[in-house]
Every structure is written in structure tokens, then in C-alpha cells.
Amino acid sequence: MPNKDAHIWAAATMELGALVCTSANPKCELCPVISQCNWRKNGYPKSELIRKSQDWHGTDRKCRGTIVQALRENESLTENALKKLWPDESQVEKALKTLIEDQLIQAIPRQRYRLPQ
């Protein structure tokens, strides 16, 4: 992880995993870092791990994703507007705090939030 602009690296790696490097149907031909891919260098081995599925609905991760998606679609939003997107206000408050700590969103004046500039 880079020391500078770690939030950009984190967002980029999540997008890469979500859109290109997927477990079900990887799109290796679109990968910008294919030359550094150990999975490819090792001949695309199958994983022996048994994945536990996580119930997505109601999780902190889903709440954080809902907030980030809303901020992708808007220049900025108030805390009250974000709280209307999720049934548990305390979970939104926790998500806002951790998203700021992870540098994935920014708090701006008048209780508003936006994606990093």
C-alpha cells in the first residue's frame, strides 16, 4: 500500500477485484497489472479454500457500500440525507467514521460528505 493517496489505491484495488479480477469469471485480458499477477504466473491454480458466505444484507460492509455509491452519484450529501438511505442511524454513523478513517470519503463543512478530490 502506498504511503501517499492510500485511499485511491484502496478504491482502485477494490474496483479491480469487483470488475476484472473476479473469482467466477476473471477478465485477465483487461487487467492493467497482469504482468505482476502471481496467480497467472502459477498457471491459474484452483483454490482449495472453502469460502464462507457472508450474509450481505444489513452488514456494515453493505452500509458502507450504500454510502459510497450514493456519493458516486452525487457531488456531496448531508449526513441526514445519508441516514435516510439506511434503517439504522447508528450503523450509518459508524460507517461514516470508518470511511473517513480509511480515506474513502471526506467530511466537508455543514455536515456534508463527498468522495476524495
Protein backbone atom coordinates (compact mmCIF):
# COMPACT_ATOMS: atom_id res chain seq x y z
CA MET A 1 0.00 0.00 0.00
CA PRO A 2 1.46 3.38 -0.90
CA ASN A 3 2.11 5.98 1.80
CA LYS A 4 0.60 8.76 -0.33
CA ASP A 5 -3.01 8.64 -1.57
CA ALA A 6 -3.72 5.30 0.10
CA HIS A 7 -7.46 5.91 -0.37
CA ILE A 8 -7.00 5.95 -4.14
CA TRP A 9 -5.03 2.69 -4.04
CA ALA A 10 -7.69 1.07 -1.83
CA ALA A 11 -10.53 2.15 -4.09
CA ALA A 12 -8.66 1.08 -7.22
CA THR A 13 -7.88 -2.39 -5.88
CA MET A 14 -11.49 -2.89 -4.81
CA GLU A 15 -12.70 -1.84 -8.27
CA LEU A 16 -10.16 -4.16 -9.92
CA GLY A 17 -11.39 -7.07 -7.81
CA ALA A 18 -15.04 -6.27 -8.42
CA LEU A 19 -14.83 -5.68 -12.17
CA VAL A 20 -11.78 -7.50 -13.56
CA CYS A 21 -10.25 -9.99 -11.15
CA THR A 22 -13.42 -11.84 -10.21
CA SER A 23 -13.37 -15.41 -8.91
CA ALA A 24 -16.14 -16.66 -11.18
CA ASN A 25 -15.13 -15.06 -14.48
CA PRO A 26 -11.81 -13.17 -14.40
CA LYS A 27 -11.20 -10.80 -17.30
CA CYS A 28 -7.42 -11.18 -17.42
CA GLU A 29 -7.22 -9.58 -20.88
CA LEU A 30 -8.42 -6.29 -19.33
CA CYS A 31 -6.13 -6.40 -16.31
CA PRO A 32 -3.72 -3.45 -16.03
CA VAL A 33 -1.37 -5.40 -13.73
CA ILE A 34 -1.39 -8.80 -15.46
CA SER A 35 2.42 -8.82 -15.72
CA GLN A 36 2.59 -8.79 -11.89
CA CYS A 37 -0.10 -11.46 -11.34
CA ASN A 38 1.18 -14.42 -9.31
CA TRP A 39 -2.00 -16.40 -9.99
CA ARG A 40 -1.28 -16.19 -13.74
CA LYS A 41 2.45 -16.94 -13.26
CA ASN A 42 1.50 -20.11 -11.34
CA GLY A 43 -0.81 -21.38 -14.08
CA TYR A 44 -4.17 -20.25 -12.63
CA PRO A 45 -4.32 -22.83 -9.80
CA LYS A 46 -7.69 -23.67 -8.28
CA SER A 47 -8.15 -22.63 -4.66
CA GLU A 48 -8.53 -25.31 -2.02
CA LEU A 49 -10.15 -22.88 0.39
CA ILE A 50 -13.80 -23.32 1.19
CA ARG A 51 -15.31 -19.86 1.29
CA LYS A 52 -17.80 -19.00 3.97
CA SER A 53 -20.51 -16.86 2.50
CA GLN A 54 -21.40 -13.75 4.40
CA ASP A 55 -24.95 -12.55 4.54
CA TRP A 56 -24.66 -9.21 2.76
CA HIS A 57 -27.96 -7.64 3.80
CA GLY A 58 -27.65 -5.47 6.90
CA THR A 59 -23.87 -5.73 7.24
CA ASP A 60 -21.55 -2.82 7.95
CA ARG A 61 -19.94 -3.56 4.59
CA LYS A 62 -23.28 -3.16 2.80
CA CYS A 63 -23.95 0.09 4.69
CA ARG A 64 -20.53 1.46 3.68
CA GLY A 65 -21.13 0.42 0.08
CA THR A 66 -24.52 2.14 0.06
CA ILE A 67 -22.93 5.38 1.27
CA VAL A 68 -20.07 5.26 -1.25
CA GLN A 69 -22.48 4.52 -4.11
CA ALA A 70 -24.70 7.45 -3.12
CA LEU A 71 -21.64 9.71 -3.07
CA ARG A 72 -20.60 8.44 -6.51
CA GLU A 73 -23.97 9.59 -7.80
CA ASN A 74 -23.89 12.98 -6.04
CA GLU A 75 -21.23 15.67 -5.63
CA SER A 76 -21.86 15.67 -1.87
CA LEU A 77 -24.60 14.69 0.57
CA THR A 78 -25.60 15.75 4.05
CA GLU A 79 -25.41 13.35 6.97
CA ASN A 80 -29.20 13.47 7.20
CA ALA A 81 -29.56 12.51 3.53
CA LEU A 82 -27.19 9.57 4.06
CA LYS A 83 -29.09 8.43 7.16
CA LYS A 84 -32.26 8.19 5.04
CA LEU A 85 -30.57 5.54 2.90
CA TRP A 86 -30.18 3.04 5.76
CA PRO A 87 -32.59 1.91 8.51
CA ASP A 88 -30.05 2.01 11.37
CA GLU A 89 -28.73 5.53 12.03
CA SER A 90 -26.02 4.32 14.42
CA GLN A 91 -24.70 1.99 11.72
CA VAL A 92 -24.53 4.94 9.29
CA GLU A 93 -22.62 6.99 11.87
CA LYS A 94 -20.16 4.12 12.38
CA ALA A 95 -19.81 3.67 8.59
CA LEU A 96 -19.15 7.39 8.08
CA LYS A 97 -16.46 7.33 10.77
CA THR A 98 -14.68 4.30 9.33
CA LEU A 99 -14.97 5.52 5.72
CA ILE A 100 -13.29 8.78 6.77
CA GLU A 101 -10.57 6.86 8.67
CA ASP A 102 -10.00 4.71 5.57
CA GLN A 103 -9.81 7.91 3.46
CA LEU A 104 -12.60 6.68 1.18
CA ILE A 105 -14.78 9.74 1.87
CA GLN A 106 -14.21 13.25 3.19
CA ALA A 107 -16.19 15.29 5.70
CA ILE A 108 -16.75 18.83 4.47
CA PRO A 109 -18.43 21.84 6.12
CA ARG A 110 -22.12 21.84 7.10
CA GLN A 111 -22.24 18.11 7.96
CA ARG A 112 -21.70 17.11 4.34
CA TYR A 113 -19.65 14.30 2.86
CA ARG A 114 -18.06 13.65 -0.53
CA LEU A 115 -15.62 11.33 -2.24
CA PRO A 116 -11.97 12.44 -2.02
CA GLN A 117 -10.93 15.03 -4.57
